[in-house]
Amino acid sequence: IMCIMAQDKRITLAIIPYHKRFPTHGAPVSDTKDSRLDNEVMRNFRTCTARNHQVMYQEEVVMNDAGTVSVIRSMENQYELVMVGRSHDTSSPHVAGITD
């Protein structure tokens, strides 16, 4: 769907994946299966939009749930539509704090 959106000349698309890091070690948090799926989707997206100047890709690193919320809130006046996540599992630690 993202590749299809990116082909529409009327749309400017920004993809901003965030990566959680442990505050003490700085090591990425990994869900194995979910991380592999996310990485594959992002690889495919970057391949299909490699020469499209209407697409921006910028990674963000967050240390905790407050950081995740802060990144999302920082976008509120920059975009007309912000989609967060690819599922609605409210018990996931990756989306904890977003309901605030």
N, C-alpha and C. Protein backbone atom coordinates (compact mmCIF):
# COMPACT_ATOMS: atom_id res chain seq x y z
N ILE A 1 0.83 -1.19 0.00
CA ILE A 1 0.00 0.00 0.00
C ILE A 1 0.88 1.25 0.00
N MET A 2 1.96 1.24 0.77
CA MET A 2 2.83 2.42 0.82
C MET A 2 3.45 2.71 -0.54
N CYS A 3 3.83 1.67 -1.27
CA CYS A 3 4.42 1.87 -2.60
C CYS A 3 3.40 2.45 -3.56
N ILE A 4 2.15 2.03 -3.44
CA ILE A 4 1.09 2.56 -4.30
C ILE A 4 0.85 4.03 -3.97
N MET A 5 0.80 4.37 -2.68
CA MET A 5 0.63 5.77 -2.28
C MET A 5 1.78 6.62 -2.81
N ALA A 6 2.98 6.09 -2.74
CA ALA A 6 4.17 6.84 -3.15
C ALA A 6 4.19 7.12 -4.65
N GLN A 7 3.45 6.34 -5.44
CA GLN A 7 3.41 6.55 -6.88
C GLN A 7 2.48 7.69 -7.28
N ASP A 8 1.60 8.10 -6.40
CA ASP A 8 0.66 9.18 -6.69
C ASP A 8 1.38 10.51 -6.55
N LYS A 9 1.45 11.28 -7.63
CA LYS A 9 2.20 12.54 -7.65
C LYS A 9 1.58 13.61 -6.75
N ARG A 10 0.33 13.41 -6.33
CA ARG A 10 -0.33 14.38 -5.45
C ARG A 10 0.03 14.18 -3.99
N ILE A 11 0.74 13.08 -3.70
CA ILE A 11 1.03 12.72 -2.31
C ILE A 11 2.51 12.85 -2.01
N THR A 12 2.81 13.49 -0.90
CA THR A 12 4.17 13.49 -0.36
C THR A 12 4.11 12.59 0.86
N LEU A 13 4.96 11.59 0.90
CA LEU A 13 4.88 10.54 1.91
C LEU A 13 6.13 10.56 2.78
N ALA A 14 5.93 10.52 4.08
CA ALA A 14 7.05 10.42 5.03
C ALA A 14 6.89 9.15 5.84
N ILE A 15 7.91 8.33 5.85
CA ILE A 15 7.93 7.11 6.66
C ILE A 15 8.95 7.33 7.77
N ILE A 16 8.51 7.21 9.00
CA ILE A 16 9.40 7.46 10.13
C ILE A 16 9.28 6.29 11.11
N PRO A 17 10.02 5.21 10.84
CA PRO A 17 9.99 4.10 11.80
C PRO A 17 10.77 4.49 13.06
N TYR A 18 10.31 4.00 14.18
CA TYR A 18 11.06 4.26 15.41
C TYR A 18 11.59 2.94 15.94
N HIS A 19 12.72 3.04 16.59
CA HIS A 19 13.38 1.87 17.18
C HIS A 19 13.57 2.14 18.65
N LYS A 20 13.12 1.21 19.48
CA LYS A 20 13.34 1.35 20.92
C LYS A 20 14.71 0.83 21.30
N ARG A 21 15.32 1.48 22.26
CA ARG A 21 16.61 1.05 22.79
C ARG A 21 16.50 0.95 24.30
N PHE A 22 17.20 -0.02 24.86
CA PHE A 22 17.23 -0.14 26.31
C PHE A 22 17.99 1.06 26.88
N PRO A 23 17.44 1.74 27.89
CA PRO A 23 18.11 2.92 28.43
C PRO A 23 19.51 2.65 28.98
N THR A 24 19.75 1.47 29.52
CA THR A 24 21.05 1.22 30.16
C THR A 24 22.10 0.71 29.19
N HIS A 25 21.71 -0.05 28.20
CA HIS A 25 22.69 -0.69 27.33
C HIS A 25 22.78 -0.06 25.94
N GLY A 26 21.74 0.62 25.52
CA GLY A 26 21.73 1.19 24.18
C GLY A 26 21.53 0.16 23.09
N ALA A 27 21.22 -1.08 23.46
CA ALA A 27 21.01 -2.15 22.48
C ALA A 27 19.57 -2.09 21.96
N PRO A 28 19.36 -2.36 20.69
CA PRO A 28 18.00 -2.32 20.14
C PRO A 28 17.11 -3.39 20.77
N VAL A 29 15.84 -3.04 20.94
CA VAL A 29 14.85 -4.01 21.40
C VAL A 29 14.40 -4.78 20.18
N SER A 30 14.38 -6.11 20.25
CA SER A 30 14.05 -6.92 19.08
C SER A 30 12.96 -7.91 19.43
N ASP A 31 11.98 -8.06 18.55
CA ASP A 31 10.91 -9.03 18.72
C ASP A 31 11.11 -10.24 17.82
N THR A 32 12.25 -10.42 17.29
CA THR A 32 12.59 -11.49 16.35
C THR A 32 11.64 -11.53 15.16
N LYS A 33 10.51 -12.24 15.25
CA LYS A 33 9.62 -12.38 14.11
C LYS A 33 9.07 -11.02 13.65
N ASP A 34 8.60 -10.21 14.59
CA ASP A 34 8.07 -8.89 14.24
C ASP A 34 9.17 -8.00 13.67
N SER A 35 10.35 -8.06 14.25
CA SER A 35 11.47 -7.24 13.75
C SER A 35 11.85 -7.64 12.34
N ARG A 36 11.88 -8.92 12.08
CA ARG A 36 12.21 -9.39 10.73
C ARG A 36 11.15 -8.94 9.73
N LEU A 37 9.89 -9.04 10.11
CA LEU A 37 8.80 -8.60 9.23
C LEU A 37 8.90 -7.10 8.97
N ASP A 38 9.11 -6.32 10.02
CA ASP A 38 9.25 -4.86 9.87
C ASP A 38 10.42 -4.53 8.95
N ASN A 39 11.55 -5.18 9.16
CA ASN A 39 12.73 -4.91 8.33
C ASN A 39 12.48 -5.27 6.87
N GLU A 40 11.79 -6.36 6.63
CA GLU A 40 11.49 -6.77 5.25
C GLU A 40 10.56 -5.76 4.58
N VAL A 41 9.54 -5.31 5.30
CA VAL A 41 8.61 -4.33 4.74
C VAL A 41 9.35 -3.03 4.42
N MET A 42 10.21 -2.58 5.32
CA MET A 42 10.96 -1.34 5.08
C MET A 42 11.95 -1.49 3.93
N ARG A 43 12.60 -2.65 3.82
CA ARG A 43 13.50 -2.89 2.69
C ARG A 43 12.74 -2.82 1.37
N ASN A 44 11.60 -3.48 1.31
CA ASN A 44 10.78 -3.46 0.10
C ASN A 44 10.32 -2.05 -0.23
N PHE A 45 9.90 -1.32 0.78
CA PHE A 45 9.45 0.05 0.57
C PHE A 45 10.57 0.93 0.05
N ARG A 46 11.74 0.82 0.65
CA ARG A 46 12.87 1.65 0.21
C ARG A 46 13.29 1.28 -1.22
N THR A 47 13.16 0.02 -1.59
CA THR A 47 13.48 -0.40 -2.95
C THR A 47 12.49 0.20 -3.95
N CYS A 48 11.21 0.13 -3.64
CA CYS A 48 10.20 0.60 -4.60
C CYS A 48 10.14 2.12 -4.68
N THR A 49 10.73 2.83 -3.72
CA THR A 49 10.68 4.30 -3.75
C THR A 49 12.07 4.93 -3.85
N ALA A 50 13.05 4.16 -4.27
CA ALA A 50 14.46 4.61 -4.26
C ALA A 50 14.68 5.93 -5.01
N ARG A 51 14.00 6.16 -6.10
CA ARG A 51 14.23 7.37 -6.90
C ARG A 51 13.07 8.36 -6.82
N ASN A 52 12.19 8.16 -5.87
CA ASN A 52 11.02 9.01 -5.73
C ASN A 52 11.34 10.14 -4.74
N HIS A 53 11.40 11.36 -5.24
CA HIS A 53 11.76 12.51 -4.41
C HIS A 53 10.59 13.03 -3.56
N GLN A 54 9.43 12.42 -3.72
CA GLN A 54 8.28 12.79 -2.91
C GLN A 54 8.19 11.94 -1.64
N VAL A 55 9.16 11.07 -1.44
CA VAL A 55 9.15 10.18 -0.29
C VAL A 55 10.33 10.51 0.62
N MET A 56 10.04 10.67 1.90
CA MET A 56 11.07 10.91 2.89
C MET A 56 11.12 9.72 3.84
N TYR A 57 12.31 9.25 4.12
CA TYR A 57 12.51 8.13 5.06
C TYR A 57 13.47 8.62 6.13
N GLN A 58 13.02 8.60 7.38
CA GLN A 58 13.84 9.09 8.49
C GLN A 58 13.59 8.21 9.70
N GLU A 59 14.63 7.58 10.21
CA GLU A 59 14.48 6.72 11.38
C GLU A 59 14.61 7.54 12.66
N GLU A 60 13.86 7.16 13.68
CA GLU A 60 13.93 7.78 15.00
C GLU A 60 14.27 6.70 16.02
N VAL A 61 15.07 7.06 17.01
CA VAL A 61 15.41 6.15 18.11
C VAL A 61 14.78 6.72 19.37
N VAL A 62 14.05 5.89 20.08
CA VAL A 62 13.41 6.32 21.34
C VAL A 62 13.90 5.43 22.47
N MET A 63 13.95 5.99 23.67
CA MET A 63 14.44 5.24 24.83
C MET A 63 13.31 4.61 25.63
N ASN A 64 12.10 5.15 25.50
CA ASN A 64 10.99 4.66 26.32
C ASN A 64 9.67 5.05 25.66
N ASP A 65 8.57 4.73 26.32
CA ASP A 65 7.25 5.02 25.76
C ASP A 65 7.00 6.52 25.63
N ALA A 66 7.52 7.29 26.57
CA ALA A 66 7.36 8.75 26.49
C ALA A 66 8.06 9.29 25.24
N GLY A 67 9.20 8.70 24.89
CA GLY A 67 9.90 9.09 23.67
C GLY A 67 9.09 8.79 22.44
N THR A 68 8.41 7.64 22.43
CA THR A 68 7.55 7.27 21.31
C THR A 68 6.43 8.29 21.15
N VAL A 69 5.78 8.63 22.26
CA VAL A 69 4.69 9.61 22.23
C VAL A 69 5.21 10.97 21.78
N SER A 70 6.38 11.35 22.24
CA SER A 70 6.98 12.63 21.86
C SER A 70 7.23 12.71 20.35
N VAL A 71 7.75 11.64 19.76
CA VAL A 71 8.00 11.62 18.31
C VAL A 71 6.68 11.77 17.55
N ILE A 72 5.66 11.06 17.99
CA ILE A 72 4.36 11.13 17.32
C ILE A 72 3.76 12.53 17.45
N ARG A 73 3.82 13.08 18.65
CA ARG A 73 3.25 14.43 18.86
C ARG A 73 4.00 15.49 18.07
N SER A 74 5.29 15.30 17.85
CA SER A 74 6.06 16.29 17.11
C SER A 74 5.61 16.39 15.65
N MET A 75 4.85 15.42 15.18
CA MET A 75 4.39 15.39 13.79
C MET A 75 3.01 16.01 13.61
N GLU A 76 2.32 16.34 14.68
CA GLU A 76 0.91 16.69 14.56
C GLU A 76 0.62 17.88 13.67
N ASN A 77 1.51 18.84 13.56
CA ASN A 77 1.26 20.00 12.70
C ASN A 77 1.99 19.93 11.37
N GLN A 78 2.68 18.82 11.10
CA GLN A 78 3.45 18.69 9.87
C GLN A 78 2.75 17.86 8.80
N TYR A 79 1.81 17.02 9.20
CA TYR A 79 1.20 16.08 8.26
C TYR A 79 -0.32 16.11 8.38
N GLU A 80 -0.99 15.79 7.28
CA GLU A 80 -2.44 15.71 7.28
C GLU A 80 -2.95 14.38 7.80
N LEU A 81 -2.13 13.34 7.66
CA LEU A 81 -2.50 12.01 8.11
C LEU A 81 -1.28 11.35 8.73
N VAL A 82 -1.44 10.83 9.95
CA VAL A 82 -0.37 10.09 10.62
C VAL A 82 -0.93 8.73 11.00
N MET A 83 -0.30 7.68 10.49
CA MET A 83 -0.71 6.32 10.85
C MET A 83 0.39 5.75 11.74
N VAL A 84 -0.03 5.18 12.85
CA VAL A 84 0.93 4.63 13.81
C VAL A 84 0.72 3.13 13.91
N GLY A 85 1.77 2.38 13.57
CA GLY A 85 1.71 0.93 13.74
C GLY A 85 1.05 0.21 12.59
N ARG A 86 1.18 -1.10 12.64
CA ARG A 86 0.57 -1.93 11.61
C ARG A 86 -0.46 -2.89 12.20
N SER A 87 -0.65 -2.81 13.51
CA SER A 87 -1.65 -3.66 14.16
C SER A 87 -2.24 -2.88 15.34
N HIS A 88 -3.21 -3.47 15.97
CA HIS A 88 -3.90 -2.79 17.06
C HIS A 88 -3.84 -3.60 18.35
N ASP A 89 -2.73 -4.23 18.63
CA ASP A 89 -2.56 -5.00 19.86
C ASP A 89 -2.21 -4.04 20.99
N THR A 90 -3.22 -3.60 21.73
CA THR A 90 -3.01 -2.60 22.77
C THR A 90 -2.20 -3.11 23.95
N SER A 91 -1.97 -4.42 24.03
CA SER A 91 -1.16 -4.95 25.12
C SER A 91 0.33 -5.01 24.76
N SER A 92 0.68 -4.66 23.53
CA SER A 92 2.07 -4.70 23.09
C SER A 92 2.90 -3.64 23.81
N PRO A 93 4.08 -4.01 24.28
CA PRO A 93 4.94 -3.02 24.95
C PRO A 93 5.42 -1.93 24.00
N HIS A 94 5.36 -2.16 22.70
CA HIS A 94 5.82 -1.17 21.72
C HIS A 94 4.87 -0.01 21.56
N VAL A 95 3.60 -0.19 21.95
CA VAL A 95 2.66 0.90 21.84
C VAL A 95 2.16 1.38 23.20
N ALA A 96 2.76 0.88 24.27
CA ALA A 96 2.38 1.32 25.61
C ALA A 96 2.62 2.82 25.72
N GLY A 97 1.68 3.54 26.26
CA GLY A 97 1.81 4.97 26.42
C GLY A 97 1.20 5.78 25.30
N ILE A 98 0.93 5.16 24.17
CA ILE A 98 0.36 5.91 23.04
C ILE A 98 -1.08 6.32 23.32
N THR A 99 -1.79 5.51 24.09
CA THR A 99 -3.19 5.84 24.38
C THR A 99 -3.32 7.12 25.20
N ASP A 100 -2.21 7.53 25.85
CA ASP A 100 -2.24 8.80 26.59
C ASP A 100 -2.46 9.95 25.62
